[in-house]
Amino acid sequence: MVSKKRHIEIIGAPVDLGAGRRGVDMGPSAVRIADLEHRLEQLGHRVTDHGDIDVMIPETQRVGAGKLRYKAAILAACDALRQEVERSLAEGRMPLVLGGDHSIAIGSVAGSTDHFARQNETLGLIWFDAHGDANTPETTPSGNIHGMSLAVLLGLGDPDLVNLGGRAPKVLARNTVLIGIRDVDLGERETLKKSGATVYTMRDIDERGMRDVVDEAIRLAGDGTAGVHLSFDLDVVDPEDAPGTGTPVWGGISYREAHLAMEMLNDRAQIVAIDLVEVNPVLDTQNMTGIFAAELAQSLLGKRIL
């Protein structure tokens, strides 16, 4: 059913510090109990579940001053995740990181790009999201770090977050593609426009179709890189199909558009690491969103209709 069998390593990152609504720390469990491991083994892959990184809960942490809520705890969690992702790749595995909120990508992308930087290579980044995630401490209306993660990876924002692991930026803007945004803060709009990253809004998908958008995204992210890190926020999907997420926005991509994108990435891109984030079981209906995330992982890793 798939042309390439992989050794996939599941790494849970139950971070519930970067968002404004509680419950996303249960996201890794929600995707696991949707039979993720068995689904991937059915495709012929070898699967190892590494368990979860240690993460402090908000009740035990100081929020912190200024516009970087729970910065110290998020930085510690992302540093632990960075090391696990880099180790996984060094051992010849494909890390599949289950969030947690999208702040975890600061650590996962640092880990994947660190691994390839040691070989003098770079990675592209394809980022599915309803939001821009491009705020900085100067533009954020909330102080929630999950809304800053893409900016951090592009080298913008808080120096401690930007320089995690000692190297910045983590990805080059010309190899960074954001797909599906429809809810963008005023300040981050300007950041995105100036960043040099390629952004496909929901209007682009409406006008051009998912096929053309993903085709271009693969070309841009893969241009001169060793592969692509995929970071998929479940809130990119319309809440009708993915209700269990903390910041839902109506008018998102459909169930089939999401699967088409994953199927195309499997066929045409060299995906080396994956994030599935922002599954919040507290807000879900009968684990619909956790099951959807597991199904998307299957499509990304080789499941076909025929």
Protein backbone atom coordinates (compact mmCIF):
# COMPACT_ATOMS: atom_id res chain seq x y z
CA MET A 1 0.00 0.00 0.00
CA VAL A 2 2.97 2.31 0.51
CA SER A 3 6.16 2.43 -1.49
CA LYS A 4 8.44 3.30 1.42
CA LYS A 5 8.28 1.62 4.81
CA ARG A 6 9.48 3.79 7.67
CA HIS A 7 10.34 3.48 11.32
CA ILE A 8 7.99 6.05 12.85
CA GLU A 9 8.53 7.29 16.38
CA ILE A 10 5.56 8.81 18.18
CA ILE A 11 6.57 11.54 20.62
CA GLY A 12 3.91 13.16 22.81
CA ALA A 13 4.28 16.83 23.71
CA PRO A 14 1.35 17.55 26.08
CA VAL A 15 2.00 21.28 26.33
CA ASP A 16 -0.99 23.23 27.65
CA LEU A 17 0.87 26.49 28.24
CA GLY A 18 0.89 28.37 24.96
CA ALA A 19 -2.86 28.68 24.35
CA GLY A 20 -5.75 30.41 26.05
CA ARG A 21 -8.06 27.42 26.63
CA ARG A 22 -7.22 24.39 28.75
CA GLY A 23 -7.39 20.72 27.73
CA VAL A 24 -4.97 20.48 24.83
CA ASP A 25 -2.49 18.59 27.03
CA MET A 26 -4.77 15.58 26.54
CA GLY A 27 -4.35 15.78 22.77
CA PRO A 28 -1.60 13.13 22.50
CA SER A 29 -3.77 10.63 24.36
CA ALA A 30 -6.78 11.43 22.19
CA VAL A 31 -4.84 10.65 19.00
CA ARG A 32 -3.25 7.54 20.48
CA ILE A 33 -6.59 6.04 21.56
CA ALA A 34 -7.83 6.60 18.01
CA ASP A 35 -5.64 3.55 17.24
CA LEU A 36 -2.82 5.59 15.69
CA GLU A 37 -0.10 3.00 16.19
CA HIS A 38 -2.14 0.14 14.71
CA ARG A 39 -3.31 2.29 11.80
CA LEU A 40 0.30 3.00 10.83
CA GLU A 41 1.44 -0.58 11.35
CA GLN A 42 -1.30 -1.70 8.96
CA LEU A 43 0.46 0.33 6.28
CA GLY A 44 3.64 -1.69 6.81
CA HIS A 45 5.51 0.80 8.96
CA ARG A 46 7.40 -0.02 12.12
CA VAL A 47 6.09 2.14 14.96
CA THR A 48 7.71 2.98 18.30
CA ASP A 49 5.89 5.07 20.89
CA HIS A 50 8.45 7.03 22.90
CA GLY A 51 5.83 8.29 25.34
CA ASP A 52 5.52 11.93 26.37
CA ILE A 53 8.13 14.50 27.23
CA ASP A 54 7.87 15.91 30.76
CA VAL A 55 5.82 19.11 30.80
CA MET A 56 4.88 21.27 33.76
CA ILE A 57 1.19 22.10 34.15
CA PRO A 58 0.07 25.74 34.29
CA GLU A 59 -1.15 25.46 37.90
CA THR A 60 2.43 24.94 39.09
CA GLN A 61 4.00 27.68 36.96
CA ARG A 62 4.21 31.43 37.03
CA VAL A 63 2.47 33.11 34.12
CA GLY A 64 5.34 35.58 33.90
CA ALA A 65 5.40 39.27 33.19
CA GLY A 66 4.80 40.95 29.87
CA LYS A 67 3.53 39.42 26.65
CA LEU A 68 5.07 35.94 26.87
CA ARG A 69 2.79 33.83 29.04
CA TYR A 70 4.52 30.81 30.63
CA LYS A 71 7.67 31.49 28.63
CA ALA A 72 10.07 29.69 30.97
CA ALA A 73 8.04 26.47 31.07
CA ILE A 74 7.41 26.52 27.31
CA LEU A 75 11.10 27.07 26.65
CA ALA A 76 12.00 24.10 28.86
CA ALA A 77 9.43 21.84 27.17
CA CYS A 78 10.52 22.90 23.69
CA ASP A 79 14.16 22.28 24.53
CA ALA A 80 13.33 18.76 25.72
CA LEU A 81 11.31 18.15 22.55
CA ARG A 82 14.11 19.54 20.39
CA GLN A 83 16.52 16.98 21.80
CA GLU A 84 14.09 14.07 21.35
CA VAL A 85 13.30 14.96 17.74
CA GLU A 86 16.97 15.35 16.89
CA ARG A 87 17.75 12.02 18.56
CA SER A 88 14.92 10.30 16.69
CA LEU A 89 16.18 11.48 13.32
CA ALA A 90 19.77 10.57 14.19
CA GLU A 91 18.54 7.03 14.91
CA GLY A 92 17.00 6.82 11.44
CA ARG A 93 13.40 7.29 12.56
CA MET A 94 10.64 9.67 11.48
CA PRO A 95 9.40 11.69 14.47
CA LEU A 96 5.63 12.07 14.65
CA VAL A 97 5.00 14.67 17.35
CA LEU A 98 1.58 14.85 18.95
CA GLY A 99 0.65 18.15 20.58
CA GLY A 100 -0.19 19.97 22.73
CA ASP A 101 -0.63 23.50 21.48
CA HIS A 102 1.27 24.85 18.49
CA SER A 103 4.03 26.36 20.63
CA ILE A 104 5.57 22.87 20.58
CA ALA A 105 6.65 23.44 16.97
CA ILE A 106 9.33 25.79 18.29
CA GLY A 107 10.97 22.67 19.73
CA SER A 108 10.11 20.09 17.09
CA VAL A 109 11.26 22.20 14.15
CA ALA A 110 14.41 23.18 16.05
CA GLY A 111 15.16 19.48 16.49
CA SER A 112 14.58 18.47 12.88
CA THR A 113 16.49 21.39 11.43
CA ASP A 114 19.35 20.93 13.92
CA HIS A 115 19.77 17.35 12.69
CA PHE A 116 20.05 18.41 9.06
CA ALA A 117 22.17 21.46 9.86
CA ARG A 118 24.83 19.06 11.17
CA GLN A 119 24.95 17.70 7.62
CA ASN A 120 25.07 21.24 6.17
CA GLU A 121 21.53 20.88 4.87
CA THR A 122 18.30 22.81 5.39
CA LEU A 123 14.65 21.82 5.65
CA GLY A 124 11.52 23.33 4.20
CA LEU A 125 8.48 23.93 6.39
CA ILE A 126 4.82 23.46 5.41
CA TRP A 127 2.49 24.85 8.05
CA PHE A 128 -1.28 24.21 7.96
CA ASP A 129 -3.18 26.59 10.24
CA ALA A 130 -6.26 28.78 10.53
CA HIS A 131 -4.04 31.45 12.08
CA GLY A 132 -0.83 33.19 11.09
CA ASP A 133 1.10 32.24 14.25
CA ALA A 134 3.33 35.17 13.33
CA ASN A 135 2.85 37.48 16.30
CA THR A 136 5.78 38.83 18.28
CA PRO A 137 5.80 40.21 21.84
CA GLU A 138 5.22 43.63 20.28
CA THR A 139 2.11 42.62 18.28
CA THR A 140 0.43 39.87 20.32
CA PRO A 141 -2.99 40.79 21.68
CA SER A 142 -3.01 37.85 24.12
CA GLY A 143 0.56 36.96 25.07
CA ASN A 144 -0.12 33.34 24.09
CA ILE A 145 3.05 31.84 22.62
CA HIS A 146 1.23 29.39 20.34
CA GLY A 147 0.40 32.48 18.26
CA MET A 148 4.11 33.32 17.88
CA SER A 149 5.60 29.97 16.92
CA LEU A 150 5.98 30.49 13.17
CA ALA A 151 7.53 33.93 13.68
CA VAL A 152 10.02 32.41 16.15
CA LEU A 153 11.08 29.76 13.63
CA LEU A 154 11.65 32.49 11.04
CA GLY A 155 13.94 34.28 13.53
CA LEU A 156 11.47 36.91 14.75
CA GLY A 157 10.46 37.66 18.32
CA ASP A 158 11.80 36.81 21.75
CA PRO A 159 15.56 36.09 21.57
CA ASP A 160 15.43 33.15 23.99
CA LEU A 161 12.79 31.38 21.92
CA VAL A 162 14.38 32.35 18.60
CA ASN A 163 17.81 31.05 19.61
CA LEU A 164 16.66 27.75 21.14
CA GLY A 165 19.42 25.24 20.43
CA GLY A 166 21.83 28.01 19.47
CA ARG A 167 20.87 28.47 15.82
CA ALA A 168 18.51 30.96 14.15
CA PRO A 169 16.50 31.20 12.04
CA LYS A 170 15.40 27.57 12.05
CA VAL A 171 13.97 27.75 8.52
CA LEU A 172 14.47 30.06 5.59
CA ALA A 173 11.47 32.16 4.61
CA ARG A 174 11.78 31.15 0.96
CA ASN A 175 11.24 27.51 1.94
CA THR A 176 8.39 28.24 4.37
CA VAL A 177 4.76 27.87 3.28
CA LEU A 178 1.65 28.62 5.33
CA ILE A 179 -1.66 27.11 4.13
CA GLY A 180 -5.26 27.74 5.14
CA ILE A 181 -5.16 30.95 7.19
CA ARG A 182 -8.37 32.90 7.69
CA ASP A 183 -7.98 34.62 11.09
CA VAL A 184 -4.99 36.96 11.25
CA ASP A 185 -4.21 39.66 13.82
CA LEU A 186 -3.43 43.13 12.51
CA GLY A 187 0.18 43.18 13.67
CA GLU A 188 1.04 39.71 12.41
CA ARG A 189 -0.42 40.52 8.99
CA GLU A 190 2.44 42.95 8.43
CA THR A 191 4.96 40.47 9.84
CA LEU A 192 3.81 37.81 7.39
CA LYS A 193 3.89 40.21 4.44
CA LYS A 194 7.45 41.28 5.26
CA SER A 195 8.74 37.83 6.20
CA GLY A 196 9.27 36.44 2.71
CA ALA A 197 7.31 33.28 3.54
CA THR A 198 4.65 32.12 1.08
CA VAL A 199 1.11 32.32 2.44
CA TYR A 200 -1.99 30.69 0.94
CA THR A 201 -5.16 31.98 2.55
CA MET A 202 -8.54 30.27 2.39
CA ARG A 203 -9.39 32.56 -0.50
CA ASP A 204 -6.42 31.15 -2.43
CA ILE A 205 -7.67 27.63 -1.75
CA ASP A 206 -11.22 28.63 -2.76
CA GLU A 207 -10.05 30.18 -6.02
CA ARG A 208 -7.27 27.81 -7.02
CA GLY A 209 -8.13 24.55 -5.28
CA MET A 210 -6.14 22.51 -2.79
CA ARG A 211 -4.35 20.58 -5.53
CA ASP A 212 -2.63 23.64 -7.04
CA VAL A 213 -1.82 25.14 -3.64
CA VAL A 214 -0.19 21.97 -2.28
CA ASP A 215 1.64 21.38 -5.57
CA GLU A 216 3.25 24.82 -5.29
CA ALA A 217 3.90 24.40 -1.57
CA ILE A 218 5.83 21.18 -2.18
CA ARG A 219 7.92 22.87 -4.86
CA LEU A 220 8.72 25.90 -2.69
CA ALA A 221 9.45 23.98 0.52
CA GLY A 222 11.52 21.39 -1.32
CA ASP A 223 13.61 23.85 -3.37
CA GLY A 224 17.23 23.16 -2.38
CA THR A 225 16.28 21.45 0.89
CA ALA A 226 16.87 17.93 2.23
CA GLY A 227 13.17 17.48 2.93
CA VAL A 228 10.14 19.03 4.58
CA HIS A 229 8.92 19.33 8.16
CA LEU A 230 5.12 19.28 8.17
CA SER A 231 3.34 21.08 11.02
CA PHE A 232 -0.43 20.53 10.94
CA ASP A 233 -2.76 22.43 13.25
CA LEU A 234 -6.17 20.75 13.33
CA ASP A 235 -7.87 24.15 13.46
CA VAL A 236 -7.06 24.60 9.76
CA VAL A 237 -9.98 22.22 9.20
CA ASP A 238 -13.53 23.54 9.38
CA PRO A 239 -15.02 23.07 12.88
CA GLU A 240 -17.79 20.96 11.36
CA ASP A 241 -15.19 18.24 10.77
CA ALA A 242 -12.74 19.08 13.58
CA PRO A 243 -14.66 20.58 16.52
CA GLY A 244 -12.13 19.64 19.20
CA THR A 245 -9.69 22.50 18.95
CA GLY A 246 -9.16 25.56 21.13
CA THR A 247 -9.40 28.33 18.54
CA PRO A 248 -11.92 27.16 15.91
CA VAL A 249 -12.68 29.40 12.93
CA TRP A 250 -15.51 28.71 10.53
CA GLY A 251 -14.77 28.47 6.82
CA GLY A 252 -11.83 26.08 7.00
CA ILE A 253 -10.68 23.33 4.70
CA SER A 254 -12.93 20.31 4.32
CA TYR A 255 -12.41 16.71 5.37
CA ARG A 256 -11.52 15.68 1.83
CA GLU A 257 -9.32 18.70 1.15
CA ALA A 258 -7.27 17.80 4.22
CA HIS A 259 -6.89 14.20 3.08
CA LEU A 260 -6.03 15.26 -0.47
CA ALA A 261 -3.26 17.48 0.88
CA MET A 262 -1.83 14.61 2.94
CA GLU A 263 -2.07 12.17 0.01
CA MET A 264 -0.23 14.61 -2.25
CA LEU A 265 2.49 15.18 0.35
CA ASN A 266 2.99 11.42 0.59
CA ASP A 267 3.24 11.09 -3.18
CA ARG A 268 5.42 14.08 -4.00
CA ALA A 269 7.26 15.44 -0.95
CA GLN A 270 10.11 14.17 1.20
CA ILE A 271 8.49 14.51 4.62
CA VAL A 272 11.04 13.96 7.38
CA ALA A 273 9.13 15.01 10.51
CA ILE A 274 5.50 15.66 11.43
CA ASP A 275 3.57 17.68 14.03
CA LEU A 276 -0.13 17.11 14.69
CA VAL A 277 -1.25 19.78 17.14
CA GLU A 278 -4.15 21.52 18.88
CA VAL A 279 -6.39 18.49 19.43
CA ASN A 280 -8.43 19.38 22.53
CA PRO A 281 -10.62 16.49 23.75
CA VAL A 282 -12.40 18.75 26.27
CA LEU A 283 -13.98 20.59 23.33
CA ASP A 284 -14.44 17.56 21.08
CA THR A 285 -17.42 15.36 20.23
CA GLN A 286 -16.78 11.61 20.72
CA ASN A 287 -13.09 12.13 19.86
CA MET A 288 -13.92 13.19 16.29
CA THR A 289 -10.85 15.40 16.06
CA GLY A 290 -8.48 12.85 17.58
CA ILE A 291 -9.73 10.22 15.12
CA PHE A 292 -9.40 12.71 12.26
CA ALA A 293 -5.78 13.41 13.23
CA ALA A 294 -4.99 9.69 13.20
CA GLU A 295 -6.66 9.33 9.79
CA LEU A 296 -4.64 12.24 8.41
CA ALA A 297 -1.45 10.56 9.61
CA GLN A 298 -2.48 7.48 7.66
CA SER A 299 -3.03 9.45 4.45
CA LEU A 300 0.27 11.27 4.93
CA LEU A 301 2.08 7.97 5.41
CA GLY A 302 0.69 6.03 2.50
CA LYS A 303 -2.94 5.03 2.85
CA ARG A 304 -4.76 5.08 -0.46
CA ILE A 305 -8.36 4.63 -1.47
CA LEU A 306 -7.34 2.01 -4.03
